[in-house]
Amino acid sequence: MTDTGSQSTKDTALKVDDLRTHFRTLDGIVRAVDGVSFEVGRGETLGVVGESGCGKSVTAMTILRLLAMPPASIESGAVWYGDRDLLQLSEREMRSIRGNEISMIFQEPMTSLNPVLTVGRQIGESIQLHQGTTKKEALD
């Protein structure tokens, strides 16, 4: 078993440690993410699957810090990206990471991948937008 109590190693691209994200509602607290931990190694791709409502999107949106606070609150945990805890970075630092270094393909129909276009083309468009590359550079 891996020790998840500290920052990531040089072979770990992303390390989520005991992440807890809650939402305050009129009916009480919803514990949408409750103690999630995982690691993604360099060069690996992570696909998160699970039943509807199990916390996949909230976990990803917490990692990218895309949730409105309030009503959301990150109660505890750490998200290590290299030697930086993403939960401790400024919004400006996070904007430079989102899309350029860490991305999410949302499951909402209006923001997900288009089945008529190749995945490469759609990801290439994102690279062009965020990194200012040409179409050829983005596809290479």
Protein backbone atom coordinates (compact mmCIF):
# COMPACT_ATOMS: atom_id res chain seq x y z
CA MET A 1 0.00 0.00 0.00
CA THR A 2 1.24 3.48 -0.86
CA ASP A 3 1.70 6.18 1.77
CA THR A 4 -0.74 8.94 0.79
CA GLY A 5 0.22 11.38 3.51
CA SER A 6 2.66 13.61 1.63
CA GLN A 7 3.35 15.23 -1.71
CA SER A 8 3.79 13.21 -4.88
CA THR A 9 7.00 11.53 -5.93
CA LYS A 10 8.85 12.23 -9.18
CA ASP A 11 7.00 9.31 -10.82
CA THR A 12 3.57 10.56 -9.73
CA ALA A 13 1.84 13.20 -11.84
CA LEU A 14 -1.17 13.71 -9.58
CA LYS A 15 -1.84 12.56 -6.04
CA VAL A 16 -5.18 13.09 -4.33
CA ASP A 17 -5.04 12.52 -0.59
CA ASP A 18 -8.17 12.09 1.58
CA LEU A 19 -10.21 14.66 -0.37
CA ARG A 20 -13.52 15.71 1.20
CA THR A 21 -15.91 18.09 -0.55
CA HIS A 22 -19.22 18.96 1.07
CA PHE A 23 -22.22 21.06 0.04
CA ARG A 24 -24.32 22.98 2.52
CA THR A 25 -28.02 22.78 1.64
CA LEU A 26 -31.25 23.74 3.36
CA ASP A 27 -31.64 20.06 4.26
CA GLY A 28 -28.17 19.78 5.77
CA ILE A 29 -24.69 18.82 4.61
CA VAL A 30 -24.17 16.62 1.55
CA ARG A 31 -20.85 14.78 1.64
CA ALA A 32 -20.35 14.49 -2.12
CA VAL A 33 -16.68 13.48 -1.90
CA ASP A 34 -15.77 11.75 1.33
CA GLY A 35 -12.19 10.58 1.73
CA VAL A 36 -11.11 10.02 -1.88
CA SER A 37 -7.44 9.11 -2.45
CA PHE A 38 -5.64 8.02 -5.61
CA GLU A 39 -2.44 8.52 -7.60
CA VAL A 40 -1.83 8.91 -11.32
CA GLY A 41 1.67 8.13 -12.54
CA ARG A 42 3.50 10.15 -15.18
CA GLY A 43 2.40 9.05 -18.64
CA GLU A 44 -0.75 7.40 -17.30
CA THR A 45 -4.32 8.37 -18.13
CA LEU A 46 -7.09 8.11 -15.56
CA GLY A 47 -10.67 7.34 -16.51
CA VAL A 48 -13.10 7.72 -13.62
CA VAL A 49 -16.23 5.58 -13.91
CA GLY A 50 -19.11 4.97 -11.56
CA GLU A 51 -22.82 5.26 -11.05
CA SER A 52 -24.64 8.52 -11.60
CA GLY A 53 -24.33 10.73 -8.54
CA CYS A 54 -21.37 8.89 -6.99
CA GLY A 55 -19.06 11.94 -7.00
CA LYS A 56 -16.99 11.57 -10.20
CA SER A 57 -17.62 15.09 -11.49
CA VAL A 58 -17.43 16.70 -8.05
CA THR A 59 -14.05 15.01 -7.47
CA ALA A 60 -12.70 16.30 -10.80
CA MET A 61 -14.16 19.76 -10.29
CA THR A 62 -12.66 19.89 -6.79
CA ILE A 63 -9.23 18.98 -8.19
CA LEU A 64 -9.55 21.77 -10.77
CA ARG A 65 -11.16 24.11 -8.20
CA LEU A 66 -14.17 24.81 -10.40
CA LEU A 67 -16.86 24.60 -7.72
CA ALA A 68 -18.69 27.65 -6.41
CA MET A 69 -17.81 28.18 -2.76
CA PRO A 70 -20.30 28.40 -1.11
CA PRO A 71 -22.32 26.21 -1.32
CA ALA A 72 -19.37 23.84 -1.85
CA SER A 73 -16.54 23.60 0.63
CA ILE A 74 -13.35 21.58 0.55
CA GLU A 75 -13.31 20.21 4.07
CA SER A 76 -9.94 18.46 3.98
CA GLY A 77 -7.38 16.76 1.84
CA ALA A 78 -4.63 17.65 -0.57
CA VAL A 79 -4.23 17.53 -4.33
CA TRP A 80 -0.54 17.23 -5.17
CA TYR A 81 0.51 18.13 -8.69
CA GLY A 82 4.26 17.68 -8.63
CA ASP A 83 5.39 19.51 -5.52
CA ARG A 84 2.41 21.89 -5.41
CA ASP A 85 -0.83 21.37 -3.52
CA LEU A 86 -3.46 22.68 -5.96
CA LEU A 87 -5.78 23.47 -3.08
CA GLN A 88 -3.27 26.04 -1.79
CA LEU A 89 -2.62 27.87 -5.10
CA SER A 90 -4.05 31.26 -6.01
CA GLU A 91 -6.81 31.50 -8.61
CA ARG A 92 -4.31 33.02 -11.04
CA GLU A 93 -1.95 30.05 -10.62
CA MET A 94 -4.86 27.64 -11.13
CA ARG A 95 -5.94 29.40 -14.35
CA SER A 96 -2.47 28.79 -15.80
CA ILE A 97 -2.74 25.06 -14.98
CA ARG A 98 -6.35 24.47 -16.11
CA GLY A 99 -6.47 23.40 -19.75
CA ASN A 100 -2.71 23.73 -20.20
CA GLU A 101 -1.60 20.98 -17.83
CA ILE A 102 -4.73 19.39 -16.36
CA SER A 103 -8.00 19.02 -18.26
CA MET A 104 -11.40 17.45 -17.84
CA ILE A 105 -13.86 16.23 -20.45
CA PHE A 106 -17.21 17.16 -18.95
CA GLN A 107 -20.16 14.79 -19.23
CA GLU A 108 -22.73 17.49 -19.98
CA PRO A 109 -23.89 17.17 -23.61
CA MET A 110 -23.13 20.80 -24.52
CA THR A 111 -19.54 20.63 -23.22
CA SER A 112 -18.55 17.04 -24.00
CA LEU A 113 -16.75 15.68 -27.03
CA ASN A 114 -18.57 15.78 -30.37
CA PRO A 115 -19.04 12.24 -31.74
CA VAL A 116 -18.87 13.54 -35.34
CA LEU A 117 -15.34 14.94 -34.96
CA THR A 118 -12.19 13.00 -34.12
CA VAL A 119 -10.98 13.15 -30.52
CA GLY A 120 -7.58 14.35 -31.80
CA ARG A 121 -9.12 17.31 -33.58
CA GLN A 122 -11.13 18.35 -30.53
CA ILE A 123 -8.20 18.03 -28.14
CA GLY A 124 -6.00 19.81 -30.69
CA GLU A 125 -8.42 22.76 -30.68
CA SER A 126 -8.08 23.00 -26.91
CA ILE A 127 -4.27 22.92 -27.16
CA GLN A 128 -4.35 25.65 -29.82
CA LEU A 129 -6.57 27.80 -27.63
CA HIS A 130 -4.62 27.38 -24.38
CA GLN A 131 -1.07 27.25 -25.73
CA GLY A 132 -1.34 29.47 -28.80
CA THR A 133 0.00 26.82 -31.18
CA THR A 134 -0.77 26.25 -34.83
CA LYS A 135 -3.11 23.43 -35.84
CA LYS A 136 -0.14 21.33 -37.02
CA GLU A 137 1.79 21.89 -33.76
CA ALA A 138 -1.26 20.99 -31.68
CA LEU A 139 -1.75 17.70 -33.53
CA ASP A 140 1.93 16.68 -33.29
